């Protein structure tokens, strides 16, 4: 996954977290409290791509938009702006 895809993937995840997007439940052992606790807090996070729900990978990266105050900015400028703003 490249950087633009990762950013939109994380944005989609936050929309899901805030209830602005929905996904279908995927039954399995990760829904069991003890297994979930073990995977979320104790085991190393998996490297590489883990199979997620298809809804988690639908948004496509877009071109850099114009900032309402600063106008057209490079991706480097946008990155620095977001870093400072966040």
N, C-alpha and C. Protein backbone atom coordinates (compact mmCIF):
# COMPACT_ATOMS: atom_id res chain seq x y z
N UNK A 1 0.85 -1.17 0.00
CA UNK A 1 0.00 0.00 0.00
C UNK A 1 0.90 1.23 0.00
N UNK A 2 0.65 2.14 -0.93
CA UNK A 2 1.46 3.35 -0.98
C UNK A 2 0.91 4.40 0.00
N UNK A 3 1.63 5.50 0.14
CA UNK A 3 1.27 6.52 1.13
C UNK A 3 -0.12 7.13 0.88
N UNK A 4 -0.47 7.53 -0.36
CA UNK A 4 -1.81 8.08 -0.56
C UNK A 4 -2.92 7.09 -0.21
N UNK A 5 -2.74 5.80 -0.58
CA UNK A 5 -3.75 4.78 -0.24
C UNK A 5 -3.83 4.61 1.27
N UNK A 6 -2.70 4.66 1.96
CA UNK A 6 -2.70 4.50 3.42
C UNK A 6 -3.46 5.66 4.08
N UNK A 7 -3.26 6.87 3.58
CA UNK A 7 -3.96 8.02 4.17
C UNK A 7 -5.46 7.92 4.01
N UNK A 8 -5.94 7.52 2.83
CA UNK A 8 -7.38 7.41 2.66
C UNK A 8 -7.92 6.21 3.45
N UNK A 9 -7.12 5.16 3.57
CA UNK A 9 -7.53 4.01 4.38
C UNK A 9 -7.70 4.43 5.84
N UNK A 10 -6.76 5.20 6.36
CA UNK A 10 -6.86 5.67 7.74
C UNK A 10 -8.01 6.64 7.91
N UNK A 11 -8.25 7.47 6.91
CA UNK A 11 -9.40 8.39 6.96
C UNK A 11 -10.71 7.61 6.99
N UNK A 12 -10.80 6.57 6.16
CA UNK A 12 -12.00 5.72 6.17
C UNK A 12 -12.19 5.06 7.53
N UNK A 13 -11.09 4.63 8.13
CA UNK A 13 -11.16 3.99 9.45
C UNK A 13 -11.69 4.96 10.49
N UNK A 14 -11.26 6.22 10.42
CA UNK A 14 -11.74 7.21 11.37
C UNK A 14 -13.23 7.51 11.14
N UNK A 15 -13.66 7.52 9.87
CA UNK A 15 -15.09 7.71 9.59
C UNK A 15 -15.91 6.57 10.19
N UNK A 16 -15.38 5.36 10.10
CA UNK A 16 -16.06 4.21 10.70
C UNK A 16 -16.09 4.35 12.23
N UNK A 17 -14.97 4.75 12.81
CA UNK A 17 -14.89 4.92 14.26
C UNK A 17 -15.92 5.93 14.76
N UNK A 18 -16.12 7.00 14.01
CA UNK A 18 -17.04 8.07 14.41
C UNK A 18 -18.49 7.81 14.00
N UNK A 19 -18.75 6.68 13.33
CA UNK A 19 -20.11 6.32 12.94
C UNK A 19 -20.56 6.94 11.64
N UNK A 20 -19.65 7.55 10.89
CA UNK A 20 -20.00 8.17 9.61
C UNK A 20 -19.97 7.17 8.45
N UNK A 21 -19.46 5.98 8.67
CA UNK A 21 -19.42 4.93 7.65
C UNK A 21 -19.72 3.61 8.35
N UNK A 22 -20.27 2.67 7.61
CA UNK A 22 -20.62 1.39 8.21
C UNK A 22 -19.91 0.25 7.47
N UNK A 23 -19.76 -0.85 8.16
CA UNK A 23 -19.22 -2.07 7.58
C UNK A 23 -20.07 -3.24 8.06
N UNK A 24 -19.98 -4.33 7.34
CA UNK A 24 -20.70 -5.54 7.76
C UNK A 24 -19.89 -6.21 8.87
N UNK A 25 -20.56 -6.76 9.90
CA UNK A 25 -19.84 -7.50 10.94
C UNK A 25 -19.16 -8.73 10.33
N UNK A 26 -17.99 -9.04 10.83
CA UNK A 26 -17.24 -10.23 10.39
C UNK A 26 -17.04 -11.12 11.60
N UNK A 27 -17.95 -12.07 11.84
CA UNK A 27 -17.83 -12.93 13.02
C UNK A 27 -16.50 -13.67 13.04
N UNK A 28 -15.99 -13.89 14.23
CA UNK A 28 -14.75 -14.64 14.38
C UNK A 28 -14.19 -14.48 15.77
N UNK A 29 -13.08 -15.15 16.05
CA UNK A 29 -12.52 -15.14 17.40
C UNK A 29 -12.03 -13.77 17.86
N UNK A 30 -11.78 -12.83 16.95
CA UNK A 30 -11.32 -11.50 17.37
C UNK A 30 -12.41 -10.73 18.12
N UNK A 31 -13.65 -11.19 18.04
CA UNK A 31 -14.73 -10.54 18.78
C UNK A 31 -14.83 -11.06 20.22
N UNK A 32 -14.11 -12.12 20.54
CA UNK A 32 -14.10 -12.64 21.91
C UNK A 32 -13.22 -11.73 22.75
N UNK A 33 -13.71 -11.25 23.90
CA UNK A 33 -12.96 -10.26 24.69
C UNK A 33 -11.52 -10.65 25.02
N UNK A 34 -11.27 -11.87 25.40
CA UNK A 34 -9.90 -12.26 25.77
C UNK A 34 -8.99 -12.26 24.55
N UNK A 35 -9.46 -12.81 23.44
CA UNK A 35 -8.66 -12.83 22.21
C UNK A 35 -8.42 -11.40 21.71
N UNK A 36 -9.48 -10.57 21.73
CA UNK A 36 -9.34 -9.18 21.30
C UNK A 36 -8.29 -8.45 22.14
N UNK A 37 -8.35 -8.61 23.46
CA UNK A 37 -7.38 -7.98 24.36
C UNK A 37 -5.95 -8.44 24.03
N UNK A 38 -5.79 -9.72 23.82
CA UNK A 38 -4.47 -10.29 23.50
C UNK A 38 -3.93 -9.69 22.19
N UNK A 39 -4.76 -9.68 21.16
CA UNK A 39 -4.32 -9.18 19.85
C UNK A 39 -4.10 -7.67 19.86
N UNK A 40 -5.00 -6.93 20.51
CA UNK A 40 -4.90 -5.46 20.49
C UNK A 40 -3.75 -4.93 21.35
N UNK A 41 -3.49 -5.58 22.49
CA UNK A 41 -2.55 -4.98 23.45
C UNK A 41 -1.28 -5.76 23.72
N UNK A 42 -1.22 -7.03 23.40
CA UNK A 42 -0.07 -7.82 23.82
C UNK A 42 0.74 -8.41 22.67
N UNK A 43 0.12 -8.85 21.61
CA UNK A 43 0.86 -9.45 20.51
C UNK A 43 1.43 -8.37 19.59
N UNK A 44 2.54 -8.64 18.91
CA UNK A 44 3.06 -7.67 17.94
C UNK A 44 2.04 -7.45 16.83
N UNK A 45 1.95 -6.22 16.34
CA UNK A 45 1.03 -5.90 15.26
C UNK A 45 1.53 -6.58 13.99
N UNK A 46 0.65 -7.19 13.19
CA UNK A 46 1.11 -7.91 11.99
C UNK A 46 1.74 -6.97 10.97
N UNK A 47 2.77 -7.45 10.29
CA UNK A 47 3.43 -6.68 9.24
C UNK A 47 2.79 -7.00 7.91
N UNK A 48 2.79 -6.05 7.00
CA UNK A 48 2.23 -6.30 5.69
C UNK A 48 0.72 -6.17 5.69
N UNK A 49 0.12 -6.56 4.62
CA UNK A 49 -1.32 -6.41 4.47
C UNK A 49 -2.08 -7.53 5.15
N UNK A 50 -3.01 -7.13 5.98
CA UNK A 50 -3.92 -8.07 6.62
C UNK A 50 -5.26 -7.90 5.92
N UNK A 51 -5.93 -8.99 5.67
CA UNK A 51 -7.21 -8.93 4.96
C UNK A 51 -8.26 -8.22 5.80
N UNK A 52 -8.68 -7.06 5.34
CA UNK A 52 -9.71 -6.29 6.03
C UNK A 52 -11.00 -6.33 5.24
N UNK A 53 -12.04 -5.70 5.78
CA UNK A 53 -13.31 -5.68 5.05
C UNK A 53 -13.16 -4.86 3.76
N UNK A 54 -13.84 -5.26 2.71
CA UNK A 54 -13.72 -4.53 1.44
C UNK A 54 -14.07 -3.05 1.58
N UNK A 55 -14.99 -2.73 2.50
CA UNK A 55 -15.39 -1.34 2.68
C UNK A 55 -14.23 -0.47 3.19
N UNK A 56 -13.19 -1.09 3.72
CA UNK A 56 -12.06 -0.34 4.26
C UNK A 56 -11.10 0.13 3.17
N UNK A 57 -11.34 -0.27 1.94
CA UNK A 57 -10.41 0.06 0.86
C UNK A 57 -11.13 0.60 -0.37
N UNK A 58 -12.15 1.42 -0.17
CA UNK A 58 -12.92 1.91 -1.32
C UNK A 58 -12.56 3.33 -1.73
N UNK A 59 -12.18 4.18 -0.81
CA UNK A 59 -11.88 5.57 -1.14
C UNK A 59 -10.58 5.64 -1.94
N UNK A 60 -10.61 6.40 -3.01
CA UNK A 60 -9.42 6.58 -3.84
C UNK A 60 -8.70 7.87 -3.43
N UNK A 61 -7.36 7.87 -3.46
CA UNK A 61 -6.64 9.12 -3.17
C UNK A 61 -7.03 10.20 -4.19
N UNK A 62 -7.03 11.42 -3.74
CA UNK A 62 -7.38 12.53 -4.63
C UNK A 62 -6.18 13.46 -4.78
N UNK A 63 -6.30 14.36 -5.73
CA UNK A 63 -5.23 15.35 -5.94
C UNK A 63 -5.21 16.33 -4.77
N UNK A 64 -4.09 16.97 -4.57
CA UNK A 64 -3.97 17.96 -3.50
C UNK A 64 -4.86 19.14 -3.84
N UNK A 65 -5.71 19.51 -2.92
CA UNK A 65 -6.61 20.63 -3.19
C UNK A 65 -5.93 21.95 -2.81
N UNK A 66 -6.60 23.02 -3.15
CA UNK A 66 -6.09 24.35 -2.84
C UNK A 66 -6.55 24.71 -1.42
N UNK A 67 -5.63 25.22 -0.63
CA UNK A 67 -5.97 25.63 0.74
C UNK A 67 -6.72 26.95 0.68
N UNK A 68 -7.77 27.13 1.47
CA UNK A 68 -8.56 28.36 1.38
C UNK A 68 -7.79 29.62 1.76
N UNK A 69 -6.75 29.50 2.56
CA UNK A 69 -5.97 30.67 2.97
C UNK A 69 -4.64 30.73 2.24
N UNK A 70 -3.92 29.61 2.17
CA UNK A 70 -2.57 29.59 1.59
C UNK A 70 -2.54 29.36 0.09
N UNK A 71 -3.67 28.98 -0.51
CA UNK A 71 -3.70 28.73 -1.95
C UNK A 71 -3.08 27.38 -2.30
N UNK A 72 -2.54 27.29 -3.53
CA UNK A 72 -1.95 26.03 -4.01
C UNK A 72 -0.69 25.73 -3.21
N UNK A 73 -0.58 24.48 -2.74
CA UNK A 73 0.59 24.07 -1.97
C UNK A 73 1.09 22.74 -2.50
N UNK A 74 2.39 22.49 -2.32
CA UNK A 74 2.98 21.21 -2.69
C UNK A 74 2.58 20.17 -1.64
N UNK A 75 2.82 18.88 -1.96
CA UNK A 75 2.52 17.85 -0.97
C UNK A 75 3.40 18.02 0.26
N UNK A 76 4.64 18.52 0.07
CA UNK A 76 5.52 18.78 1.21
C UNK A 76 4.93 19.87 2.10
N UNK A 77 4.42 20.94 1.48
CA UNK A 77 3.81 22.03 2.25
C UNK A 77 2.55 21.55 2.97
N UNK A 78 1.73 20.75 2.27
CA UNK A 78 0.54 20.21 2.92
C UNK A 78 0.92 19.33 4.11
N UNK A 79 1.94 18.50 3.93
CA UNK A 79 2.39 17.63 5.03
C UNK A 79 2.83 18.44 6.23
N UNK A 80 3.60 19.49 5.98
CA UNK A 80 4.07 20.32 7.08
C UNK A 80 2.91 21.07 7.73
N UNK A 81 1.99 21.57 6.92
CA UNK A 81 0.82 22.26 7.46
C UNK A 81 0.00 21.32 8.35
N UNK A 82 -0.27 20.10 7.85
CA UNK A 82 -1.05 19.14 8.65
C UNK A 82 -0.33 18.77 9.94
N UNK A 83 0.99 18.59 9.86
CA UNK A 83 1.77 18.30 11.06
C UNK A 83 1.62 19.42 12.09
N UNK A 84 1.78 20.66 11.65
CA UNK A 84 1.67 21.78 12.57
C UNK A 84 0.24 21.96 13.09
N UNK A 85 -0.74 21.78 12.21
CA UNK A 85 -2.13 21.95 12.57
C UNK A 85 -2.60 20.87 13.53
N UNK A 86 -2.24 19.62 13.26
CA UNK A 86 -2.67 18.51 14.13
C UNK A 86 -1.99 18.61 15.48
